[in-house]
Amino acid sequence: MIDFVDFSTEYNTLFNKKGVLPWTEELKKNQTAIMNALIQLMAEKDFEKITINEIAERADVNRGTIYSHYADKYDLMDKCLEAQLRQLIESCSAVEDETEPNPSKASLLRTLEQLEENALFYKTLLRNKALLSFRNQLQEMINEQIKVQFLENNFNLDELSKDISVQFLSSATVGVIEWWFTHSNPCSAKEITEKLWSMLDLNLQMIRSQA
């Protein structure tokens, strides 16, 4: 089940101006049920074949409830992605802890733990051909973390070499994450972080030697 992000403050600020009822526990419950229904259906069939009626039936709400929150299923998917990506971005942010010897590695672990916690959601997105944009956004997040590593290690690379290296490492990381999900998470987030980080660190050392 999706760990729904609480954006009640944003909801009240934005929609009270339009006369929409304030955020309530019932609204939150409905939106959680609707988002969960969409992800469950996406695990069963292609997104384009899913109908509002199916979402409503699975969420145990009526069509009017869905349309009171979302313009259509595409808007619902956008909001669902927005909520989950916000959580993921927060997890992926560098760990600000002076006692942490390797903040970038800790950040990777937090990101993978977040992915693991919402495995159904992310597995569905990574498998769904209609939502390749999610894979691109995930890779862009990892790109930023690798760039931080380059800065921390003072790599003296020209822009082209740096861009190629970042793209290579982020593509490899996303590929491993996809493998992790498509094989039903054969190891824990901590285990895969250790193995993935050792490979990334080895490649970073090779890049450092050439810089």
N, C-alpha and C. Protein backbone atom coordinates (compact mmCIF):
# COMPACT_ATOMS: atom_id res chain seq x y z
N MET A 1 0.84 -1.20 0.00
CA MET A 1 0.00 0.00 0.00
C MET A 1 0.87 1.24 0.00
N ILE A 2 0.41 2.29 -0.68
CA ILE A 2 1.17 3.52 -0.78
C ILE A 2 1.24 4.22 0.57
N ASP A 3 2.43 4.71 0.93
CA ASP A 3 2.60 5.53 2.11
C ASP A 3 2.28 6.96 1.67
N PHE A 4 1.03 7.36 1.84
CA PHE A 4 0.54 8.60 1.25
C PHE A 4 1.20 9.81 1.89
N VAL A 5 1.62 10.77 1.07
CA VAL A 5 2.25 11.99 1.55
C VAL A 5 1.18 12.97 2.01
N ASP A 6 1.38 13.53 3.19
CA ASP A 6 0.41 14.49 3.73
C ASP A 6 0.71 15.88 3.18
N PHE A 7 -0.13 16.33 2.23
CA PHE A 7 0.04 17.69 1.74
C PHE A 7 -1.20 18.51 2.05
N SER A 8 -1.74 18.31 3.25
CA SER A 8 -2.97 19.00 3.65
C SER A 8 -2.80 20.51 3.67
N THR A 9 -1.64 21.00 4.11
CA THR A 9 -1.42 22.45 4.15
C THR A 9 -1.47 23.04 2.77
N GLU A 10 -0.79 22.37 1.81
CA GLU A 10 -0.80 22.84 0.43
C GLU A 10 -2.22 22.81 -0.12
N TYR A 11 -2.96 21.77 0.19
CA TYR A 11 -4.33 21.62 -0.30
C TYR A 11 -5.20 22.78 0.18
N ASN A 12 -5.14 23.06 1.48
CA ASN A 12 -5.97 24.13 2.03
C ASN A 12 -5.62 25.49 1.46
N THR A 13 -4.31 25.75 1.32
CA THR A 13 -3.86 27.05 0.79
C THR A 13 -4.32 27.25 -0.64
N LEU A 14 -4.18 26.20 -1.46
CA LEU A 14 -4.49 26.32 -2.87
C LEU A 14 -5.98 26.30 -3.16
N PHE A 15 -6.71 25.38 -2.54
CA PHE A 15 -8.08 25.15 -2.94
C PHE A 15 -9.14 25.92 -2.14
N ASN A 16 -8.80 26.41 -0.95
CA ASN A 16 -9.79 27.19 -0.21
C ASN A 16 -10.18 28.45 -0.98
N LYS A 17 -9.24 28.97 -1.79
CA LYS A 17 -9.51 30.15 -2.60
C LYS A 17 -10.59 29.86 -3.64
N LYS A 18 -10.75 28.56 -3.98
CA LYS A 18 -11.71 28.18 -4.99
C LYS A 18 -13.01 27.65 -4.39
N GLY A 19 -13.11 27.73 -3.06
CA GLY A 19 -14.34 27.30 -2.42
C GLY A 19 -14.45 25.82 -2.19
N VAL A 20 -13.34 25.08 -2.32
CA VAL A 20 -13.35 23.65 -2.08
C VAL A 20 -13.29 23.40 -0.57
N LEU A 21 -13.96 22.36 -0.12
CA LEU A 21 -13.98 22.05 1.31
C LEU A 21 -12.57 21.86 1.85
N PRO A 22 -12.30 22.30 3.09
CA PRO A 22 -10.97 22.13 3.69
C PRO A 22 -10.59 20.65 3.78
N TRP A 23 -9.29 20.42 3.87
CA TRP A 23 -8.77 19.07 3.99
C TRP A 23 -9.28 18.42 5.27
N THR A 24 -9.78 17.20 5.15
CA THR A 24 -10.27 16.46 6.30
C THR A 24 -9.70 15.05 6.23
N GLU A 25 -9.86 14.33 7.34
CA GLU A 25 -9.40 12.94 7.36
C GLU A 25 -10.14 12.11 6.32
N GLU A 26 -11.41 12.45 6.08
CA GLU A 26 -12.18 11.70 5.07
C GLU A 26 -11.62 11.94 3.67
N LEU A 27 -11.26 13.19 3.38
CA LEU A 27 -10.67 13.50 2.08
C LEU A 27 -9.35 12.75 1.92
N LYS A 28 -8.54 12.77 2.97
CA LYS A 28 -7.26 12.06 2.92
C LYS A 28 -7.47 10.57 2.71
N LYS A 29 -8.45 10.01 3.42
CA LYS A 29 -8.75 8.59 3.28
C LYS A 29 -9.18 8.25 1.86
N ASN A 30 -10.03 9.11 1.28
CA ASN A 30 -10.49 8.89 -0.10
C ASN A 30 -9.34 8.96 -1.09
N GLN A 31 -8.50 9.98 -0.95
CA GLN A 31 -7.40 10.13 -1.90
C GLN A 31 -6.41 8.98 -1.78
N THR A 32 -6.16 8.53 -0.55
CA THR A 32 -5.27 7.38 -0.36
C THR A 32 -5.84 6.14 -1.03
N ALA A 33 -7.14 5.92 -0.84
CA ALA A 33 -7.81 4.76 -1.45
C ALA A 33 -7.77 4.84 -2.97
N ILE A 34 -7.99 6.03 -3.51
CA ILE A 34 -8.00 6.21 -4.96
C ILE A 34 -6.61 5.97 -5.54
N MET A 35 -5.59 6.52 -4.90
CA MET A 35 -4.22 6.32 -5.39
C MET A 35 -3.80 4.86 -5.28
N ASN A 36 -4.14 4.23 -4.17
CA ASN A 36 -3.81 2.81 -4.01
C ASN A 36 -4.52 1.97 -5.07
N ALA A 37 -5.77 2.32 -5.37
CA ALA A 37 -6.53 1.58 -6.38
C ALA A 37 -5.86 1.69 -7.74
N LEU A 38 -5.40 2.89 -8.08
CA LEU A 38 -4.73 3.09 -9.37
C LEU A 38 -3.48 2.23 -9.48
N ILE A 39 -2.65 2.24 -8.43
CA ILE A 39 -1.40 1.47 -8.47
C ILE A 39 -1.68 -0.03 -8.53
N GLN A 40 -2.68 -0.48 -7.79
CA GLN A 40 -3.03 -1.91 -7.83
C GLN A 40 -3.48 -2.31 -9.23
N LEU A 41 -4.26 -1.48 -9.87
CA LEU A 41 -4.74 -1.77 -11.23
C LEU A 41 -3.59 -1.72 -12.23
N MET A 42 -2.65 -0.80 -12.03
CA MET A 42 -1.50 -0.70 -12.93
C MET A 42 -0.62 -1.94 -12.84
N ALA A 43 -0.65 -2.60 -11.69
CA ALA A 43 0.11 -3.84 -11.54
C ALA A 43 -0.54 -4.98 -12.30
N GLU A 44 -1.81 -4.80 -12.68
CA GLU A 44 -2.58 -5.85 -13.35
C GLU A 44 -2.73 -5.62 -14.85
N LYS A 45 -2.73 -4.34 -15.27
CA LYS A 45 -2.94 -4.04 -16.69
C LYS A 45 -2.26 -2.74 -17.08
N ASP A 46 -2.18 -2.50 -18.38
CA ASP A 46 -1.58 -1.28 -18.88
C ASP A 46 -2.39 -0.06 -18.44
N PHE A 47 -1.69 1.02 -18.13
CA PHE A 47 -2.34 2.23 -17.64
C PHE A 47 -3.41 2.74 -18.60
N GLU A 48 -3.13 2.69 -19.89
CA GLU A 48 -4.08 3.21 -20.88
C GLU A 48 -5.40 2.44 -20.90
N LYS A 49 -5.40 1.22 -20.41
CA LYS A 49 -6.62 0.41 -20.42
C LYS A 49 -7.44 0.54 -19.14
N ILE A 50 -6.91 1.28 -18.17
CA ILE A 50 -7.61 1.45 -16.90
C ILE A 50 -8.67 2.55 -17.05
N THR A 51 -9.85 2.31 -16.52
CA THR A 51 -10.94 3.28 -16.59
C THR A 51 -11.23 3.88 -15.21
N ILE A 52 -11.88 5.03 -15.22
CA ILE A 52 -12.27 5.68 -13.97
C ILE A 52 -13.23 4.78 -13.20
N ASN A 53 -14.11 4.08 -13.92
CA ASN A 53 -15.04 3.16 -13.25
C ASN A 53 -14.30 2.08 -12.47
N GLU A 54 -13.24 1.55 -13.06
CA GLU A 54 -12.47 0.50 -12.39
C GLU A 54 -11.77 1.06 -11.15
N ILE A 55 -11.24 2.26 -11.28
CA ILE A 55 -10.58 2.89 -10.13
C ILE A 55 -11.57 3.12 -9.01
N ALA A 56 -12.75 3.63 -9.37
CA ALA A 56 -13.78 3.90 -8.36
C ALA A 56 -14.23 2.62 -7.66
N GLU A 57 -14.42 1.56 -8.45
CA GLU A 57 -14.86 0.29 -7.86
C GLU A 57 -13.79 -0.27 -6.93
N ARG A 58 -12.53 -0.21 -7.35
CA ARG A 58 -11.46 -0.75 -6.51
C ARG A 58 -11.27 0.08 -5.24
N ALA A 59 -11.46 1.39 -5.35
CA ALA A 59 -11.28 2.27 -4.19
C ALA A 59 -12.52 2.34 -3.30
N ASP A 60 -13.62 1.74 -3.78
CA ASP A 60 -14.89 1.76 -3.06
C ASP A 60 -15.39 3.20 -2.86
N VAL A 61 -15.30 3.97 -3.94
CA VAL A 61 -15.86 5.32 -3.96
C VAL A 61 -16.65 5.46 -5.26
N ASN A 62 -17.42 6.53 -5.39
CA ASN A 62 -18.13 6.73 -6.65
C ASN A 62 -17.31 7.59 -7.60
N ARG A 63 -17.71 7.62 -8.87
CA ARG A 63 -16.99 8.39 -9.88
C ARG A 63 -16.91 9.87 -9.52
N GLY A 64 -17.99 10.38 -8.92
CA GLY A 64 -18.02 11.79 -8.56
C GLY A 64 -16.93 12.16 -7.56
N THR A 65 -16.63 11.22 -6.65
CA THR A 65 -15.58 11.48 -5.66
C THR A 65 -14.23 11.63 -6.35
N ILE A 66 -13.97 10.78 -7.34
CA ILE A 66 -12.71 10.88 -8.07
C ILE A 66 -12.63 12.19 -8.82
N TYR A 67 -13.70 12.55 -9.51
CA TYR A 67 -13.69 13.79 -10.30
C TYR A 67 -13.70 15.05 -9.44
N SER A 68 -14.05 14.90 -8.17
CA SER A 68 -13.99 16.06 -7.27
C SER A 68 -12.55 16.38 -6.89
N HIS A 69 -11.66 15.40 -7.08
CA HIS A 69 -10.24 15.58 -6.76
C HIS A 69 -9.36 15.72 -8.00
N TYR A 70 -9.73 15.02 -9.08
CA TYR A 70 -8.86 14.94 -10.25
C TYR A 70 -9.65 15.16 -11.54
N ALA A 71 -9.00 15.78 -12.53
CA ALA A 71 -9.66 16.04 -13.80
C ALA A 71 -9.92 14.75 -14.57
N ASP A 72 -8.96 13.82 -14.51
CA ASP A 72 -9.07 12.54 -15.19
C ASP A 72 -8.01 11.61 -14.63
N LYS A 73 -7.85 10.44 -15.22
CA LYS A 73 -6.89 9.47 -14.68
C LYS A 73 -5.45 9.95 -14.86
N TYR A 74 -5.21 10.78 -15.86
CA TYR A 74 -3.87 11.31 -16.09
C TYR A 74 -3.49 12.30 -15.00
N ASP A 75 -4.46 13.12 -14.60
CA ASP A 75 -4.24 14.06 -13.50
C ASP A 75 -4.00 13.29 -12.21
N LEU A 76 -4.76 12.23 -12.00
CA LEU A 76 -4.58 11.37 -10.83
C LEU A 76 -3.17 10.79 -10.81
N MET A 77 -2.71 10.31 -11.96
CA MET A 77 -1.37 9.73 -12.03
C MET A 77 -0.30 10.78 -11.75
N ASP A 78 -0.50 11.98 -12.27
CA ASP A 78 0.45 13.07 -12.02
C ASP A 78 0.53 13.40 -10.54
N LYS A 79 -0.61 13.48 -9.87
CA LYS A 79 -0.63 13.80 -8.44
C LYS A 79 0.00 12.68 -7.62
N CYS A 80 -0.26 11.46 -8.03
CA CYS A 80 0.31 10.30 -7.34
C CYS A 80 1.83 10.32 -7.45
N LEU A 81 2.32 10.58 -8.66
CA LEU A 81 3.77 10.67 -8.88
C LEU A 81 4.38 11.81 -8.08
N GLU A 82 3.70 12.95 -8.10
CA GLU A 82 4.19 14.13 -7.40
C GLU A 82 4.37 13.85 -5.91
N ALA A 83 3.37 13.21 -5.32
CA ALA A 83 3.42 12.91 -3.89
C ALA A 83 4.55 11.96 -3.56
N GLN A 84 4.70 10.91 -4.36
CA GLN A 84 5.73 9.91 -4.08
C GLN A 84 7.13 10.42 -4.38
N LEU A 85 7.27 11.18 -5.46
CA LEU A 85 8.59 11.72 -5.80
C LEU A 85 9.05 12.73 -4.77
N ARG A 86 8.11 13.45 -4.16
CA ARG A 86 8.49 14.39 -3.11
C ARG A 86 9.13 13.64 -1.95
N GLN A 87 8.53 12.52 -1.60
CA GLN A 87 9.09 11.69 -0.53
C GLN A 87 10.47 11.17 -0.93
N LEU A 88 10.56 10.72 -2.17
CA LEU A 88 11.82 10.13 -2.62
C LEU A 88 12.93 11.17 -2.68
N ILE A 89 12.60 12.36 -3.14
CA ILE A 89 13.59 13.43 -3.20
C ILE A 89 14.09 13.79 -1.81
N GLU A 90 13.18 13.84 -0.86
CA GLU A 90 13.57 14.14 0.52
C GLU A 90 14.50 13.06 1.06
N SER A 91 14.22 11.81 0.71
CA SER A 91 15.08 10.70 1.16
C SER A 91 16.44 10.75 0.49
N CYS A 92 16.45 11.19 -0.78
CA CYS A 92 17.67 11.19 -1.56
C CYS A 92 18.58 12.36 -1.21
N SER A 93 18.02 13.37 -0.53
CA SER A 93 18.82 14.53 -0.15
C SER A 93 19.97 14.09 0.75
N ALA A 94 21.08 14.76 0.62
CA ALA A 94 22.27 14.41 1.40
C ALA A 94 21.96 14.43 2.89
N VAL A 95 22.51 13.48 3.60
CA VAL A 95 22.31 13.38 5.04
C VAL A 95 23.15 14.44 5.73
N GLU A 96 22.50 15.33 6.47
CA GLU A 96 23.22 16.40 7.16
C GLU A 96 23.50 15.97 8.58
N ASP A 97 24.53 15.16 8.74
CA ASP A 97 24.91 14.64 10.06
C ASP A 97 26.42 14.58 10.11
N GLU A 98 27.00 15.42 10.95
CA GLU A 98 28.45 15.51 11.03
C GLU A 98 29.08 14.20 11.51
N THR A 99 28.31 13.36 12.18
CA THR A 99 28.85 12.10 12.67
C THR A 99 28.80 11.01 11.60
N GLU A 100 28.12 11.30 10.47
CA GLU A 100 28.00 10.32 9.40
C GLU A 100 29.26 10.35 8.54
N PRO A 101 30.06 9.25 8.52
CA PRO A 101 31.32 9.24 7.78
C PRO A 101 31.15 9.32 6.27
N ASN A 102 30.02 8.85 5.77
CA ASN A 102 29.81 8.85 4.32
C ASN A 102 28.37 9.26 4.01
N PRO A 103 28.11 10.58 3.98
CA PRO A 103 26.74 11.04 3.80
C PRO A 103 26.11 10.63 2.47
N SER A 104 26.90 10.52 1.40
CA SER A 104 26.34 10.14 0.11
C SER A 104 25.87 8.68 0.12
N LYS A 105 26.64 7.82 0.77
CA LYS A 105 26.24 6.42 0.90
C LYS A 105 25.00 6.30 1.77
N ALA A 106 24.94 7.08 2.84
CA ALA A 106 23.77 7.07 3.71
C ALA A 106 22.54 7.57 2.96
N SER A 107 22.73 8.54 2.08
CA SER A 107 21.65 9.06 1.26
C SER A 107 21.12 7.99 0.31
N LEU A 108 22.05 7.22 -0.29
CA LEU A 108 21.65 6.13 -1.19
C LEU A 108 20.85 5.09 -0.42
N LEU A 109 21.28 4.76 0.79
CA LEU A 109 20.57 3.78 1.61
C LEU A 109 19.15 4.27 1.92
N ARG A 110 19.03 5.52 2.30
CA ARG A 110 17.71 6.07 2.61
C ARG A 110 16.80 6.02 1.38
N THR A 111 17.37 6.32 0.22
CA THR A 111 16.58 6.28 -1.02
C THR A 111 16.09 4.87 -1.30
N LEU A 112 16.98 3.88 -1.18
CA LEU A 112 16.60 2.50 -1.45
C LEU A 112 15.62 1.97 -0.41
N GLU A 113 15.75 2.43 0.82
CA GLU A 113 14.79 2.02 1.86
C GLU A 113 13.40 2.58 1.54
N GLN A 114 13.37 3.82 1.01
CA GLN A 114 12.09 4.41 0.62
C GLN A 114 11.47 3.63 -0.54
N LEU A 115 12.31 3.24 -1.51
CA LEU A 115 11.83 2.43 -2.63
C LEU A 115 11.32 1.09 -2.15
N GLU A 116 12.05 0.49 -1.22
CA GLU A 116 11.66 -0.82 -0.69
C GLU A 116 10.34 -0.74 0.08
N GLU A 117 10.16 0.34 0.82
CA GLU A 117 8.95 0.51 1.62
C GLU A 117 7.71 0.60 0.74
N ASN A 118 7.88 1.18 -0.45
CA ASN A 118 6.75 1.33 -1.39
C ASN A 118 7.02 0.51 -2.65
N ALA A 119 7.43 -0.73 -2.45
CA ALA A 119 7.88 -1.59 -3.55
C ALA A 119 6.83 -1.75 -4.65
N LEU A 120 5.57 -1.96 -4.29
CA LEU A 120 4.53 -2.17 -5.30
C LEU A 120 4.43 -0.95 -6.22
N PHE A 121 4.42 0.23 -5.63
CA PHE A 121 4.29 1.46 -6.40
C PHE A 121 5.45 1.60 -7.39
N TYR A 122 6.68 1.51 -6.91
CA TYR A 122 7.84 1.74 -7.77
C TYR A 122 8.05 0.61 -8.77
N LYS A 123 7.78 -0.61 -8.36
CA LYS A 123 7.90 -1.73 -9.28
C LYS A 123 6.93 -1.56 -10.44
N THR A 124 5.72 -1.13 -10.12
CA THR A 124 4.71 -0.91 -11.15
C THR A 124 5.14 0.19 -12.11
N LEU A 125 5.67 1.28 -11.58
CA LEU A 125 6.10 2.39 -12.43
C LEU A 125 7.26 1.98 -13.34
N LEU A 126 8.22 1.26 -12.79
CA LEU A 126 9.38 0.87 -13.57
C LEU A 126 9.03 -0.14 -14.65
N ARG A 127 7.97 -0.91 -14.42
CA ARG A 127 7.56 -1.92 -15.40
C ARG A 127 6.60 -1.36 -16.45
N ASN A 128 5.93 -0.25 -16.13
CA ASN A 128 4.89 0.27 -17.01
C ASN A 128 5.49 1.12 -18.11
N LYS A 129 5.37 0.68 -19.35
CA LYS A 129 5.98 1.36 -20.48
C LYS A 129 5.42 2.75 -20.71
N ALA A 130 4.20 2.99 -20.24
CA ALA A 130 3.59 4.30 -20.44
C ALA A 130 4.15 5.36 -19.50
N LEU A 131 4.98 4.92 -18.54
CA LEU A 131 5.48 5.86 -17.54
C LEU A 131 7.00 5.87 -17.47
N LEU A 132 7.63 5.91 -18.64
CA LEU A 132 9.09 5.93 -18.69
C LEU A 132 9.64 7.22 -18.09
N SER A 133 8.81 8.26 -18.01
CA SER A 133 9.26 9.52 -17.44
C SER A 133 9.70 9.34 -15.99
N PHE A 134 9.08 8.38 -15.28
CA PHE A 134 9.47 8.14 -13.89
C PHE A 134 10.91 7.64 -13.83
N ARG A 135 11.26 6.74 -14.74
CA ARG A 135 12.64 6.23 -14.77
C ARG A 135 13.62 7.37 -15.02
N ASN A 136 13.25 8.28 -15.91
CA ASN A 136 14.11 9.42 -16.21
C ASN A 136 14.27 10.32 -15.01
N GLN A 137 13.18 10.54 -14.26
CA GLN A 137 13.26 11.38 -13.07
C GLN A 137 14.11 10.72 -11.99
N LEU A 138 13.96 9.41 -11.86
CA LEU A 138 14.77 8.68 -10.89
C LEU A 138 16.25 8.80 -11.25
N GLN A 139 16.56 8.65 -12.52
CA GLN A 139 17.95 8.75 -12.95
C GLN A 139 18.49 10.16 -12.74
N GLU A 140 17.66 11.18 -12.97
CA GLU A 140 18.10 12.55 -12.78
C GLU A 140 18.44 12.81 -11.31
N MET A 141 17.66 12.23 -10.39
CA MET A 141 17.95 12.36 -8.97
C MET A 141 19.30 11.76 -8.64
N ILE A 142 19.57 10.59 -9.21
CA ILE A 142 20.83 9.91 -8.96
C ILE A 142 21.97 10.68 -9.61
N ASN A 143 21.72 11.28 -10.77
CA ASN A 143 22.72 12.12 -11.42
C ASN A 143 23.23 13.19 -10.46
N GLU A 144 22.28 13.84 -9.77
CA GLU A 144 22.64 14.92 -8.87
C GLU A 144 23.51 14.42 -7.72
N GLN A 145 23.20 13.23 -7.21
CA GLN A 145 24.00 12.68 -6.12
C GLN A 145 25.42 12.34 -6.58
N ILE A 146 25.55 11.84 -7.80
CA ILE A 146 26.87 11.51 -8.33
C ILE A 146 27.68 12.78 -8.57
N LYS A 147 27.02 13.82 -9.02
CA LYS A 147 27.71 15.11 -9.22
C LYS A 147 28.26 15.63 -7.90
N VAL A 148 27.51 15.40 -6.81
CA VAL A 148 27.99 15.80 -5.49
C VAL A 148 29.27 15.05 -5.16
N GLN A 149 29.30 13.75 -5.50
CA GLN A 149 30.50 12.96 -5.27
C GLN A 149 31.69 13.52 -6.06
N PHE A 150 31.45 13.93 -7.27
CA PHE A 150 32.51 14.50 -8.09
C PHE A 150 33.07 15.78 -7.45
N LEU A 151 32.17 16.59 -6.90
CA LEU A 151 32.61 17.82 -6.25
C LEU A 151 33.39 17.51 -4.97
N GLU A 152 32.89 16.56 -4.20
CA GLU A 152 33.55 16.21 -2.94
C GLU A 152 34.95 15.64 -3.18
N ASN A 153 35.13 14.95 -4.31
CA ASN A 153 36.42 14.34 -4.61
C ASN A 153 37.30 15.21 -5.49
N ASN A 154 36.82 16.43 -5.83
CA ASN A 154 37.59 17.38 -6.63
C ASN A 154 38.14 16.76 -7.92
N PHE A 155 37.26 16.07 -8.65
CA PHE A 155 37.69 15.47 -9.91
C PHE A 155 37.98 16.57 -10.93
N ASN A 156 39.17 16.50 -11.49
CA ASN A 156 39.59 17.48 -12.50
C ASN A 156 39.29 16.93 -13.89
N LEU A 157 38.01 17.00 -14.27
CA LEU A 157 37.58 16.46 -15.56
C LEU A 157 37.02 17.58 -16.43
N ASP A 158 37.18 17.43 -17.74
CA ASP A 158 36.51 18.37 -18.63
C ASP A 158 35.02 18.06 -18.62
N GLU A 159 34.22 19.00 -19.08
CA GLU A 159 32.77 18.86 -18.99
C GLU A 159 32.23 17.62 -19.71
N LEU A 160 32.78 17.31 -20.88
CA LEU A 160 32.32 16.15 -21.63
C LEU A 160 32.61 14.86 -20.87
N SER A 161 33.83 14.74 -20.34
CA SER A 161 34.20 13.53 -19.59
C SER A 161 33.34 13.39 -18.34
N LYS A 162 33.08 14.52 -17.68
CA LYS A 162 32.25 14.48 -16.47
C LYS A 162 30.82 14.05 -16.82
N ASP A 163 30.25 14.62 -17.88
CA ASP A 163 28.89 14.27 -18.27
C ASP A 163 28.77 12.80 -18.63
N ILE A 164 29.74 12.28 -19.36
CA ILE A 164 29.72 10.88 -19.76
C ILE A 164 29.83 9.98 -18.52
N SER A 165 30.71 10.33 -17.60
CA SER A 165 30.92 9.54 -16.39
C SER A 165 29.66 9.52 -15.52
N VAL A 166 29.05 10.69 -15.36
CA VAL A 166 27.82 10.78 -14.56
C VAL A 166 26.71 9.96 -15.19
N GLN A 167 26.57 10.06 -16.51
CA GLN A 167 25.52 9.31 -17.20
C GLN A 167 25.76 7.81 -17.09
N PHE A 168 27.00 7.40 -17.21
CA PHE A 168 27.34 5.97 -17.10
C PHE A 168 27.00 5.43 -15.71
N LEU A 169 27.42 6.15 -14.67
CA LEU A 169 27.21 5.68 -13.31
C LEU A 169 25.73 5.70 -12.92
N SER A 170 25.01 6.74 -13.32
CA SER A 170 23.59 6.81 -12.97
C SER A 170 22.77 5.77 -13.72
N SER A 171 23.12 5.53 -14.99
CA SER A 171 22.42 4.50 -15.77
C SER A 171 22.63 3.13 -15.15
N ALA A 172 23.85 2.87 -14.72
CA ALA A 172 24.15 1.58 -14.08
C ALA A 172 23.38 1.43 -12.78
N THR A 173 23.30 2.51 -12.00
CA THR A 173 22.59 2.46 -10.73
C THR A 173 21.10 2.19 -10.93
N VAL A 174 20.48 2.91 -11.88
CA VAL A 174 19.07 2.70 -12.15
C VAL A 174 18.83 1.27 -12.67
N GLY A 175 19.77 0.78 -13.48
CA GLY A 175 19.65 -0.59 -13.99
C GLY A 175 19.65 -1.61 -12.86
N VAL A 176 20.51 -1.39 -11.86
CA VAL A 176 20.56 -2.30 -10.72
C VAL A 176 19.26 -2.22 -9.91
N ILE A 177 18.74 -1.00 -9.75
CA ILE A 177 17.49 -0.82 -9.02
C ILE A 177 16.34 -1.53 -9.74
N GLU A 178 16.30 -1.41 -11.07
CA GLU A 178 15.28 -2.11 -11.85
C GLU A 178 15.41 -3.61 -11.68
N TRP A 179 16.64 -4.12 -11.73
CA TRP A 179 16.87 -5.55 -11.52
C TRP A 179 16.38 -5.96 -10.15
N TRP A 180 16.66 -5.15 -9.15
CA TRP A 180 16.26 -5.43 -7.77
C TRP A 180 14.74 -5.61 -7.68
N PHE A 181 13.99 -4.74 -8.34
CA PHE A 181 12.53 -4.82 -8.31
C PHE A 181 11.98 -5.96 -9.16
N THR A 182 12.51 -6.11 -10.36
CA THR A 182 11.97 -7.15 -11.25
C THR A 182 12.27 -8.55 -10.74
N HIS A 183 13.24 -8.66 -9.84
CA HIS A 183 13.54 -9.96 -9.22
C HIS A 183 13.00 -10.04 -7.80
N SER A 184 11.96 -9.22 -7.54
CA SER A 184 11.24 -9.27 -6.25
C SER A 184 12.14 -9.04 -5.05
N ASN A 185 13.01 -8.06 -5.15
CA ASN A 185 13.87 -7.64 -4.04
C ASN A 185 14.56 -8.82 -3.35
N PRO A 186 15.50 -9.48 -4.06
CA PRO A 186 16.16 -10.67 -3.50
C PRO A 186 17.07 -10.39 -2.31
N CYS A 187 17.32 -9.12 -2.03
CA CYS A 187 18.12 -8.77 -0.85
C CYS A 187 17.56 -7.47 -0.27
N SER A 188 17.98 -7.14 0.93
CA SER A 188 17.45 -5.95 1.61
C SER A 188 18.06 -4.68 1.02
N ALA A 189 17.45 -3.54 1.36
CA ALA A 189 17.97 -2.25 0.91
C ALA A 189 19.40 -2.04 1.40
N LYS A 190 19.66 -2.47 2.63
CA LYS A 190 21.01 -2.30 3.19
C LYS A 190 22.03 -3.15 2.43
N GLU A 191 21.65 -4.38 2.11
CA GLU A 191 22.58 -5.27 1.39
C GLU A 191 22.89 -4.76 -0.01
N ILE A 192 21.85 -4.33 -0.71
CA ILE A 192 22.09 -3.87 -2.08
C ILE A 192 22.84 -2.54 -2.08
N THR A 193 22.64 -1.73 -1.04
CA THR A 193 23.40 -0.48 -0.93
C THR A 193 24.88 -0.78 -0.78
N GLU A 194 25.22 -1.75 0.06
CA GLU A 194 26.63 -2.12 0.26
C GLU A 194 27.27 -2.58 -1.04
N LYS A 195 26.57 -3.45 -1.77
CA LYS A 195 27.12 -4.00 -3.00
C LYS A 195 27.19 -2.92 -4.09
N LEU A 196 26.14 -2.13 -4.20
CA LEU A 196 26.10 -1.09 -5.22
C LEU A 196 27.13 -0.01 -4.94
N TRP A 197 27.27 0.35 -3.67
CA TRP A 197 28.23 1.41 -3.32
C TRP A 197 29.66 0.96 -3.58
N SER A 198 29.95 -0.30 -3.31
CA SER A 198 31.32 -0.79 -3.55
C SER A 198 31.67 -0.72 -5.04
N MET A 199 30.68 -1.00 -5.89
CA MET A 199 30.92 -0.91 -7.34
C MET A 199 31.04 0.54 -7.80
N LEU A 200 30.19 1.41 -7.25
CA LEU A 200 30.27 2.82 -7.59
C LEU A 200 31.60 3.41 -7.12
N ASP A 201 32.01 3.03 -5.92
CA ASP A 201 33.26 3.54 -5.37
C ASP A 201 34.45 3.09 -6.21
N LEU A 202 34.41 1.85 -6.68
CA LEU A 202 35.48 1.33 -7.54
C LEU A 202 35.57 2.14 -8.83
N ASN A 203 34.42 2.42 -9.42
CA ASN A 203 34.40 3.21 -10.65
C ASN A 203 34.85 4.64 -10.40
N LEU A 204 34.48 5.19 -9.25
CA LEU A 204 34.91 6.55 -8.92
C LEU A 204 36.43 6.61 -8.76
N GLN A 205 36.99 5.56 -8.18
CA GLN A 205 38.46 5.50 -8.04
C GLN A 205 39.14 5.46 -9.40
N MET A 206 38.56 4.70 -10.33
CA MET A 206 39.11 4.62 -11.68
C MET A 206 39.02 5.97 -12.38
N ILE A 207 37.91 6.66 -12.20
CA ILE A 207 37.75 7.98 -12.79
C ILE A 207 38.73 8.96 -12.17
N ARG A 208 38.91 8.85 -10.83
CA ARG A 208 39.84 9.73 -10.14
C ARG A 208 41.26 9.54 -10.67
N SER A 209 41.64 8.30 -10.96
CA SER A 209 43.00 8.03 -11.45
C SER A 209 43.26 8.61 -12.83
N GLN A 210 42.17 8.84 -13.58
CA GLN A 210 42.32 9.37 -14.93
C GLN A 210 42.16 10.88 -14.98
N ALA A 211 41.70 11.45 -13.85
CA ALA A 211 41.43 12.90 -13.83
C ALA A 211 42.73 13.69 -13.74
